Amino acid sequence: MTAYVVIREADGLVVNRISYEGDDFDPGPGLFVVQSDVAGIGWTYADGVFSEPPPQPEGPEAPAEPIRITRLRLKNELLTLAELLAYNKAKRDVAALTAADYGNPAKALLVQAEILLDYMEDATAIELDNPKTIMGVSQLMVALGILTSARAAQVLANEEP
């Protein structure tokens, strides 16, 4: 997989990191992607150059509040009907896994999906800025065909379709 960053056109701010193969990626309106193994969320991009965010001041700071949504918001407001159906199909495919499937490389994606789906079903809230959530939505849900890369970025930004 190739590493890319999703950049907001308005100010050049890197808003997400993704891994993607192919040439048909559309990050959505107001966004574009640039290949980068180094730049991260919070960096800026201008004139073909990435810049790190300025260092944070030393001293006690209030921890940032996570971006939390309910499972109900995810399923009823952020996912389209087609995406929700694909999500439910993935749940059924995971439920059909057998003990032998855990050693089968062809089933590795479903085994990983089991972890994500368990996490989402057990969570009292889904933290959209949690690295596990970001990986699960932007990589695993895309690989399973539940979301496109552009829709994954929208979901992680807590934006309705």
N, C-alpha and C. Protein backbone atom coordinates (compact mmCIF):
# COMPACT_ATOMS: atom_id res chain seq x y z
N MET A 1 0.83 -1.17 0.00
CA MET A 1 0.00 0.00 0.00
C MET A 1 0.88 1.25 0.00
N THR A 2 0.42 2.28 -0.65
CA THR A 2 1.14 3.53 -0.74
C THR A 2 0.54 4.51 0.27
N ALA A 3 1.40 5.27 0.96
CA ALA A 3 0.94 6.22 1.97
C ALA A 3 0.64 7.57 1.32
N TYR A 4 -0.51 8.11 1.66
CA TYR A 4 -0.93 9.42 1.19
C TYR A 4 -1.42 10.25 2.37
N VAL A 5 -1.46 11.55 2.17
CA VAL A 5 -2.12 12.43 3.12
C VAL A 5 -3.25 13.14 2.39
N VAL A 6 -4.34 13.37 3.12
CA VAL A 6 -5.49 14.10 2.59
C VAL A 6 -5.34 15.54 3.05
N ILE A 7 -5.41 16.47 2.10
CA ILE A 7 -5.13 17.88 2.38
C ILE A 7 -6.35 18.72 2.04
N ARG A 8 -6.67 19.64 2.93
CA ARG A 8 -7.77 20.57 2.70
C ARG A 8 -7.29 21.69 1.78
N GLU A 9 -7.98 21.89 0.65
CA GLU A 9 -7.57 22.87 -0.35
C GLU A 9 -7.53 24.29 0.22
N ALA A 10 -8.47 24.63 1.08
CA ALA A 10 -8.62 26.00 1.56
C ALA A 10 -7.37 26.52 2.28
N ASP A 11 -6.73 25.67 3.08
CA ASP A 11 -5.59 26.15 3.86
C ASP A 11 -4.37 25.24 3.82
N GLY A 12 -4.41 24.16 3.05
CA GLY A 12 -3.26 23.27 2.94
C GLY A 12 -3.03 22.40 4.16
N LEU A 13 -4.02 22.29 5.04
CA LEU A 13 -3.86 21.51 6.26
C LEU A 13 -4.05 20.03 5.97
N VAL A 14 -3.12 19.20 6.46
CA VAL A 14 -3.24 17.75 6.35
C VAL A 14 -4.28 17.30 7.37
N VAL A 15 -5.38 16.70 6.89
CA VAL A 15 -6.48 16.31 7.77
C VAL A 15 -6.58 14.81 8.00
N ASN A 16 -5.81 14.01 7.21
CA ASN A 16 -5.86 12.57 7.40
C ASN A 16 -4.69 11.92 6.69
N ARG A 17 -4.31 10.71 7.14
CA ARG A 17 -3.31 9.87 6.48
C ARG A 17 -4.03 8.61 6.06
N ILE A 18 -3.76 8.15 4.84
CA ILE A 18 -4.39 6.93 4.35
C ILE A 18 -3.36 6.09 3.60
N SER A 19 -3.66 4.83 3.46
CA SER A 19 -2.90 3.94 2.59
C SER A 19 -3.85 3.51 1.49
N TYR A 20 -3.35 3.50 0.26
CA TYR A 20 -4.25 3.26 -0.86
C TYR A 20 -3.46 2.74 -2.03
N GLU A 21 -4.05 1.84 -2.79
CA GLU A 21 -3.49 1.37 -4.05
C GLU A 21 -4.50 1.68 -5.13
N GLY A 22 -4.04 2.15 -6.25
CA GLY A 22 -4.92 2.44 -7.36
C GLY A 22 -4.77 3.88 -7.80
N ASP A 23 -5.56 4.26 -8.80
CA ASP A 23 -5.45 5.62 -9.30
C ASP A 23 -6.80 6.30 -9.38
N ASP A 24 -7.84 5.74 -8.76
CA ASP A 24 -9.17 6.32 -8.86
C ASP A 24 -9.65 6.90 -7.55
N PHE A 25 -8.72 7.31 -6.69
CA PHE A 25 -9.08 7.84 -5.38
C PHE A 25 -9.60 9.26 -5.50
N ASP A 26 -10.77 9.52 -4.94
CA ASP A 26 -11.35 10.86 -4.90
C ASP A 26 -11.61 11.20 -3.44
N PRO A 27 -10.84 12.12 -2.84
CA PRO A 27 -11.01 12.41 -1.42
C PRO A 27 -12.26 13.21 -1.09
N GLY A 28 -12.94 13.72 -2.09
CA GLY A 28 -14.15 14.49 -1.85
C GLY A 28 -13.95 15.96 -2.12
N PRO A 29 -15.03 16.71 -2.05
CA PRO A 29 -14.95 18.14 -2.38
C PRO A 29 -14.07 18.89 -1.38
N GLY A 30 -13.26 19.78 -1.91
CA GLY A 30 -12.42 20.63 -1.07
C GLY A 30 -11.18 19.94 -0.54
N LEU A 31 -10.92 18.70 -1.00
CA LEU A 31 -9.77 17.94 -0.52
C LEU A 31 -8.96 17.43 -1.70
N PHE A 32 -7.66 17.19 -1.47
CA PHE A 32 -6.83 16.52 -2.46
C PHE A 32 -5.81 15.67 -1.72
N VAL A 33 -5.15 14.74 -2.43
CA VAL A 33 -4.19 13.85 -1.80
C VAL A 33 -2.82 14.04 -2.41
N VAL A 34 -1.80 13.80 -1.58
CA VAL A 34 -0.42 13.83 -2.01
C VAL A 34 0.28 12.64 -1.35
N GLN A 35 1.10 11.94 -2.10
CA GLN A 35 1.83 10.83 -1.53
C GLN A 35 2.87 11.35 -0.55
N SER A 36 2.93 10.75 0.64
CA SER A 36 3.92 11.14 1.64
C SER A 36 4.06 10.04 2.68
N ASP A 37 5.30 9.67 2.95
CA ASP A 37 5.58 8.72 4.02
C ASP A 37 5.90 9.44 5.32
N VAL A 38 5.99 10.77 5.29
CA VAL A 38 6.46 11.54 6.44
C VAL A 38 5.38 12.42 7.05
N ALA A 39 4.68 13.20 6.23
CA ALA A 39 3.75 14.19 6.74
C ALA A 39 2.61 13.52 7.52
N GLY A 40 2.13 14.23 8.52
CA GLY A 40 1.05 13.71 9.35
C GLY A 40 -0.05 14.73 9.53
N ILE A 41 -1.08 14.30 10.23
CA ILE A 41 -2.21 15.18 10.51
C ILE A 41 -1.69 16.41 11.26
N GLY A 42 -2.14 17.58 10.83
CA GLY A 42 -1.71 18.83 11.45
C GLY A 42 -0.60 19.52 10.68
N TRP A 43 0.07 18.81 9.79
CA TRP A 43 1.10 19.43 8.96
C TRP A 43 0.40 20.31 7.93
N THR A 44 1.19 21.15 7.25
CA THR A 44 0.64 21.96 6.17
C THR A 44 1.40 21.68 4.89
N TYR A 45 0.75 21.98 3.76
CA TYR A 45 1.32 21.73 2.45
C TYR A 45 1.12 22.99 1.60
N ALA A 46 2.23 23.51 1.08
CA ALA A 46 2.16 24.70 0.21
C ALA A 46 3.31 24.65 -0.78
N ASP A 47 3.04 24.95 -2.03
CA ASP A 47 4.06 25.01 -3.07
C ASP A 47 4.90 23.74 -3.13
N GLY A 48 4.25 22.58 -2.93
CA GLY A 48 4.94 21.30 -3.03
C GLY A 48 5.78 20.92 -1.84
N VAL A 49 5.67 21.66 -0.73
CA VAL A 49 6.50 21.40 0.45
C VAL A 49 5.62 21.20 1.67
N PHE A 50 5.94 20.18 2.47
CA PHE A 50 5.25 19.93 3.74
C PHE A 50 5.98 20.66 4.85
N SER A 51 5.21 21.18 5.79
CA SER A 51 5.78 21.84 6.98
C SER A 51 5.15 21.22 8.22
N GLU A 52 5.99 20.95 9.22
CA GLU A 52 5.50 20.41 10.48
C GLU A 52 4.73 21.50 11.22
N PRO A 53 3.80 21.09 12.07
CA PRO A 53 3.12 22.11 12.88
C PRO A 53 4.11 22.71 13.87
N PRO A 54 3.88 23.95 14.31
CA PRO A 54 4.80 24.55 15.27
C PRO A 54 4.80 23.76 16.57
N PRO A 55 5.92 23.77 17.29
CA PRO A 55 5.96 23.03 18.55
C PRO A 55 4.96 23.60 19.55
N GLN A 56 4.41 22.73 20.34
CA GLN A 56 3.45 23.14 21.36
C GLN A 56 4.20 23.71 22.56
N PRO A 57 3.64 24.72 23.21
CA PRO A 57 4.31 25.30 24.37
C PRO A 57 4.44 24.28 25.50
N GLU A 58 5.51 24.40 26.24
CA GLU A 58 5.74 23.52 27.39
C GLU A 58 4.76 23.89 28.51
N GLY A 59 4.49 22.95 29.35
CA GLY A 59 3.64 23.23 30.50
C GLY A 59 2.37 22.43 30.45
N PRO A 60 1.62 22.51 31.54
CA PRO A 60 0.39 21.72 31.59
C PRO A 60 -0.65 22.27 30.62
N GLU A 61 -1.23 21.35 29.89
CA GLU A 61 -2.30 21.70 28.96
C GLU A 61 -3.48 20.79 29.24
N ALA A 62 -4.61 21.31 28.97
CA ALA A 62 -5.80 20.47 29.09
C ALA A 62 -5.78 19.46 27.95
N PRO A 63 -6.00 18.19 28.23
CA PRO A 63 -6.02 17.22 27.15
C PRO A 63 -7.16 17.52 26.19
N ALA A 64 -6.89 17.28 24.92
CA ALA A 64 -7.92 17.51 23.90
C ALA A 64 -9.04 16.51 24.10
N GLU A 65 -10.25 16.99 23.96
CA GLU A 65 -11.40 16.11 24.06
C GLU A 65 -11.51 15.28 22.79
N PRO A 66 -11.66 13.97 22.91
CA PRO A 66 -11.82 13.15 21.71
C PRO A 66 -13.11 13.51 20.99
N ILE A 67 -13.11 13.28 19.68
CA ILE A 67 -14.30 13.50 18.88
C ILE A 67 -15.12 12.22 18.98
N ARG A 68 -16.19 12.26 19.77
CA ARG A 68 -16.98 11.07 20.04
C ARG A 68 -18.35 11.16 19.35
N ILE A 69 -18.75 10.01 18.81
CA ILE A 69 -20.10 9.89 18.28
C ILE A 69 -20.70 8.60 18.82
N THR A 70 -22.00 8.50 18.77
CA THR A 70 -22.66 7.26 19.18
C THR A 70 -22.67 6.27 18.02
N ARG A 71 -22.84 5.01 18.34
CA ARG A 71 -22.99 4.01 17.28
C ARG A 71 -24.23 4.32 16.46
N LEU A 72 -25.26 4.83 17.12
CA LEU A 72 -26.49 5.18 16.42
C LEU A 72 -26.24 6.27 15.38
N ARG A 73 -25.43 7.28 15.71
CA ARG A 73 -25.11 8.33 14.73
C ARG A 73 -24.36 7.72 13.55
N LEU A 74 -23.40 6.86 13.84
CA LEU A 74 -22.64 6.23 12.76
C LEU A 74 -23.59 5.50 11.82
N LYS A 75 -24.42 4.66 12.38
CA LYS A 75 -25.26 3.80 11.54
C LYS A 75 -26.44 4.54 10.90
N ASN A 76 -27.03 5.49 11.60
CA ASN A 76 -28.24 6.13 11.08
C ASN A 76 -28.01 7.44 10.36
N GLU A 77 -26.87 8.08 10.59
CA GLU A 77 -26.66 9.41 10.01
C GLU A 77 -25.42 9.51 9.13
N LEU A 78 -24.35 8.79 9.49
CA LEU A 78 -23.11 8.92 8.72
C LEU A 78 -22.99 7.91 7.59
N LEU A 79 -23.62 6.75 7.74
CA LEU A 79 -23.56 5.73 6.70
C LEU A 79 -24.82 5.80 5.83
N THR A 80 -24.62 5.63 4.53
CA THR A 80 -25.77 5.53 3.62
C THR A 80 -26.39 4.15 3.78
N LEU A 81 -27.56 3.96 3.22
CA LEU A 81 -28.21 2.65 3.29
C LEU A 81 -27.33 1.58 2.65
N ALA A 82 -26.73 1.87 1.50
CA ALA A 82 -25.87 0.89 0.83
C ALA A 82 -24.65 0.56 1.70
N GLU A 83 -24.09 1.55 2.35
CA GLU A 83 -22.93 1.31 3.22
C GLU A 83 -23.33 0.50 4.44
N LEU A 84 -24.49 0.78 4.99
CA LEU A 84 -24.98 0.03 6.14
C LEU A 84 -25.25 -1.42 5.76
N LEU A 85 -25.78 -1.64 4.57
CA LEU A 85 -25.99 -3.02 4.11
C LEU A 85 -24.66 -3.75 3.95
N ALA A 86 -23.65 -3.06 3.40
CA ALA A 86 -22.33 -3.66 3.26
C ALA A 86 -21.71 -3.95 4.63
N TYR A 87 -21.92 -3.06 5.58
CA TYR A 87 -21.46 -3.25 6.96
C TYR A 87 -22.12 -4.50 7.55
N ASN A 88 -23.43 -4.62 7.38
CA ASN A 88 -24.15 -5.78 7.92
C ASN A 88 -23.70 -7.08 7.24
N LYS A 89 -23.42 -7.02 5.93
CA LYS A 89 -22.90 -8.20 5.23
C LYS A 89 -21.55 -8.61 5.82
N ALA A 90 -20.69 -7.63 6.09
CA ALA A 90 -19.38 -7.93 6.68
C ALA A 90 -19.57 -8.59 8.05
N LYS A 91 -20.54 -8.11 8.84
CA LYS A 91 -20.81 -8.73 10.14
C LYS A 91 -21.21 -10.19 9.97
N ARG A 92 -22.04 -10.48 8.96
CA ARG A 92 -22.47 -11.87 8.72
C ARG A 92 -21.29 -12.73 8.26
N ASP A 93 -20.43 -12.15 7.39
CA ASP A 93 -19.26 -12.89 6.92
C ASP A 93 -18.32 -13.20 8.08
N VAL A 94 -18.17 -12.24 8.99
CA VAL A 94 -17.33 -12.46 10.17
C VAL A 94 -17.95 -13.54 11.06
N ALA A 95 -19.26 -13.49 11.24
CA ALA A 95 -19.94 -14.47 12.10
C ALA A 95 -19.79 -15.89 11.54
N ALA A 96 -19.58 -16.00 10.23
CA ALA A 96 -19.45 -17.32 9.60
C ALA A 96 -18.02 -17.87 9.67
N LEU A 97 -17.07 -17.10 10.22
CA LEU A 97 -15.69 -17.59 10.32
C LEU A 97 -15.64 -18.85 11.18
N THR A 98 -14.77 -19.78 10.78
CA THR A 98 -14.55 -21.00 11.55
C THR A 98 -13.15 -20.93 12.16
N ALA A 99 -12.86 -21.83 13.06
CA ALA A 99 -11.54 -21.86 13.69
C ALA A 99 -10.44 -22.04 12.63
N ALA A 100 -10.70 -22.81 11.61
CA ALA A 100 -9.72 -23.04 10.55
C ALA A 100 -9.45 -21.76 9.76
N ASP A 101 -10.43 -20.88 9.68
CA ASP A 101 -10.27 -19.63 8.91
C ASP A 101 -9.20 -18.71 9.50
N TYR A 102 -8.94 -18.82 10.79
CA TYR A 102 -7.97 -17.93 11.43
C TYR A 102 -6.55 -18.15 10.92
N GLY A 103 -6.29 -19.29 10.36
CA GLY A 103 -4.97 -19.57 9.78
C GLY A 103 -4.96 -19.45 8.27
N ASN A 104 -6.07 -19.09 7.69
CA ASN A 104 -6.20 -19.02 6.24
C ASN A 104 -5.90 -17.59 5.76
N PRO A 105 -4.80 -17.39 5.01
CA PRO A 105 -4.47 -16.04 4.55
C PRO A 105 -5.58 -15.39 3.73
N ALA A 106 -6.38 -16.18 3.04
CA ALA A 106 -7.48 -15.62 2.25
C ALA A 106 -8.57 -15.03 3.14
N LYS A 107 -8.60 -15.40 4.41
CA LYS A 107 -9.61 -14.91 5.35
C LYS A 107 -9.04 -13.86 6.30
N ALA A 108 -7.79 -13.44 6.09
CA ALA A 108 -7.12 -12.51 7.01
C ALA A 108 -7.89 -11.20 7.14
N LEU A 109 -8.45 -10.70 6.06
CA LEU A 109 -9.19 -9.44 6.12
C LEU A 109 -10.43 -9.57 7.01
N LEU A 110 -11.12 -10.70 6.90
CA LEU A 110 -12.30 -10.91 7.76
C LEU A 110 -11.91 -11.08 9.22
N VAL A 111 -10.77 -11.71 9.47
CA VAL A 111 -10.30 -11.85 10.85
C VAL A 111 -10.00 -10.46 11.43
N GLN A 112 -9.37 -9.60 10.64
CA GLN A 112 -9.13 -8.22 11.09
C GLN A 112 -10.46 -7.48 11.28
N ALA A 113 -11.40 -7.73 10.40
CA ALA A 113 -12.71 -7.08 10.50
C ALA A 113 -13.41 -7.48 11.79
N GLU A 114 -13.21 -8.71 12.22
CA GLU A 114 -13.84 -9.16 13.46
C GLU A 114 -13.41 -8.28 14.62
N ILE A 115 -12.14 -7.91 14.66
CA ILE A 115 -11.63 -7.06 15.74
C ILE A 115 -12.30 -5.68 15.67
N LEU A 116 -12.35 -5.10 14.47
CA LEU A 116 -12.97 -3.78 14.31
C LEU A 116 -14.45 -3.82 14.67
N LEU A 117 -15.16 -4.80 14.16
CA LEU A 117 -16.59 -4.87 14.41
C LEU A 117 -16.89 -5.10 15.90
N ASP A 118 -16.08 -5.93 16.55
CA ASP A 118 -16.25 -6.13 18.00
C ASP A 118 -16.02 -4.83 18.75
N TYR A 119 -14.98 -4.11 18.35
CA TYR A 119 -14.65 -2.82 18.97
C TYR A 119 -15.83 -1.86 18.82
N MET A 120 -16.39 -1.80 17.62
CA MET A 120 -17.48 -0.86 17.38
C MET A 120 -18.75 -1.28 18.11
N GLU A 121 -19.02 -2.58 18.19
CA GLU A 121 -20.23 -3.04 18.87
C GLU A 121 -20.11 -2.90 20.39
N ASP A 122 -18.90 -3.04 20.93
CA ASP A 122 -18.71 -2.96 22.38
C ASP A 122 -18.57 -1.53 22.88
N ALA A 123 -18.23 -0.61 22.01
CA ALA A 123 -17.96 0.76 22.43
C ALA A 123 -19.24 1.47 22.87
N THR A 124 -19.13 2.25 23.94
CA THR A 124 -20.25 3.10 24.33
C THR A 124 -20.28 4.34 23.45
N ALA A 125 -19.13 4.73 22.94
CA ALA A 125 -19.01 5.83 21.99
C ALA A 125 -17.86 5.50 21.05
N ILE A 126 -17.92 6.02 19.85
CA ILE A 126 -16.85 5.80 18.87
C ILE A 126 -16.04 7.09 18.79
N GLU A 127 -14.74 6.98 19.08
CA GLU A 127 -13.86 8.14 19.04
C GLU A 127 -13.26 8.24 17.64
N LEU A 128 -13.73 9.20 16.86
CA LEU A 128 -13.31 9.32 15.47
C LEU A 128 -11.85 9.68 15.31
N ASP A 129 -11.23 10.27 16.33
CA ASP A 129 -9.82 10.64 16.23
C ASP A 129 -8.90 9.63 16.90
N ASN A 130 -9.45 8.48 17.31
CA ASN A 130 -8.64 7.41 17.88
C ASN A 130 -7.90 6.71 16.74
N PRO A 131 -6.58 6.48 16.88
CA PRO A 131 -5.83 5.84 15.79
C PRO A 131 -6.42 4.50 15.34
N LYS A 132 -6.96 3.72 16.25
CA LYS A 132 -7.57 2.44 15.86
C LYS A 132 -8.82 2.66 15.02
N THR A 133 -9.60 3.68 15.38
CA THR A 133 -10.79 4.00 14.60
C THR A 133 -10.39 4.49 13.22
N ILE A 134 -9.40 5.37 13.17
CA ILE A 134 -8.94 5.91 11.89
C ILE A 134 -8.47 4.78 10.98
N MET A 135 -7.67 3.87 11.51
CA MET A 135 -7.20 2.74 10.72
C MET A 135 -8.37 1.86 10.29
N GLY A 136 -9.26 1.57 11.21
CA GLY A 136 -10.38 0.70 10.90
C GLY A 136 -11.30 1.27 9.83
N VAL A 137 -11.57 2.57 9.92
CA VAL A 137 -12.47 3.20 8.95
C VAL A 137 -11.76 3.45 7.63
N SER A 138 -10.56 4.07 7.68
CA SER A 138 -9.91 4.49 6.44
C SER A 138 -9.23 3.35 5.68
N GLN A 139 -8.91 2.26 6.36
CA GLN A 139 -8.24 1.16 5.68
C GLN A 139 -9.11 -0.10 5.63
N LEU A 140 -9.54 -0.56 6.78
CA LEU A 140 -10.24 -1.84 6.83
C LEU A 140 -11.64 -1.75 6.20
N MET A 141 -12.41 -0.71 6.55
CA MET A 141 -13.75 -0.60 5.97
C MET A 141 -13.68 -0.34 4.47
N VAL A 142 -12.62 0.31 4.02
CA VAL A 142 -12.42 0.52 2.58
C VAL A 142 -12.07 -0.81 1.92
N ALA A 143 -11.15 -1.56 2.53
CA ALA A 143 -10.74 -2.85 1.96
C ALA A 143 -11.90 -3.83 1.91
N LEU A 144 -12.81 -3.75 2.87
CA LEU A 144 -13.98 -4.64 2.88
C LEU A 144 -15.05 -4.19 1.89
N GLY A 145 -14.89 -3.01 1.31
CA GLY A 145 -15.88 -2.51 0.35
C GLY A 145 -17.08 -1.84 1.01
N ILE A 146 -16.98 -1.56 2.31
CA ILE A 146 -18.07 -0.90 3.01
C ILE A 146 -18.10 0.58 2.64
N LEU A 147 -16.92 1.19 2.58
CA LEU A 147 -16.79 2.61 2.26
C LEU A 147 -15.78 2.80 1.15
N THR A 148 -15.90 3.90 0.42
CA THR A 148 -14.83 4.32 -0.47
C THR A 148 -13.86 5.15 0.37
N SER A 149 -12.70 5.41 -0.14
CA SER A 149 -11.74 6.23 0.61
C SER A 149 -12.29 7.62 0.87
N ALA A 150 -12.99 8.18 -0.11
CA ALA A 150 -13.56 9.52 0.07
C ALA A 150 -14.63 9.52 1.16
N ARG A 151 -15.46 8.49 1.17
CA ARG A 151 -16.49 8.41 2.20
C ARG A 151 -15.89 8.14 3.58
N ALA A 152 -14.81 7.37 3.63
CA ALA A 152 -14.14 7.14 4.91
C ALA A 152 -13.65 8.46 5.50
N ALA A 153 -13.09 9.32 4.65
CA ALA A 153 -12.63 10.63 5.12
C ALA A 153 -13.80 11.44 5.64
N GLN A 154 -14.95 11.37 4.96
CA GLN A 154 -16.14 12.09 5.43
C GLN A 154 -16.62 11.57 6.77
N VAL A 155 -16.65 10.26 6.92
CA VAL A 155 -17.11 9.66 8.18
C VAL A 155 -16.18 10.08 9.31
N LEU A 156 -14.86 10.02 9.08
CA LEU A 156 -13.91 10.39 10.12
C LEU A 156 -13.99 11.88 10.46
N ALA A 157 -14.48 12.68 9.52
CA ALA A 157 -14.67 14.11 9.77
C ALA A 157 -16.05 14.38 10.39
N ASN A 158 -16.81 13.32 10.67
CA ASN A 158 -18.14 13.42 11.27
C ASN A 158 -19.10 14.18 10.37
N GLU A 159 -18.94 13.99 9.06
CA GLU A 159 -19.77 14.67 8.07
C GLU A 159 -20.77 13.69 7.47
N GLU A 160 -22.01 14.12 7.40
CA GLU A 160 -23.05 13.29 6.80
C GLU A 160 -22.89 13.29 5.28
N PRO A 161 -23.32 12.20 4.63
CA PRO A 161 -23.20 12.12 3.16
C PRO A 161 -24.07 13.15 2.45
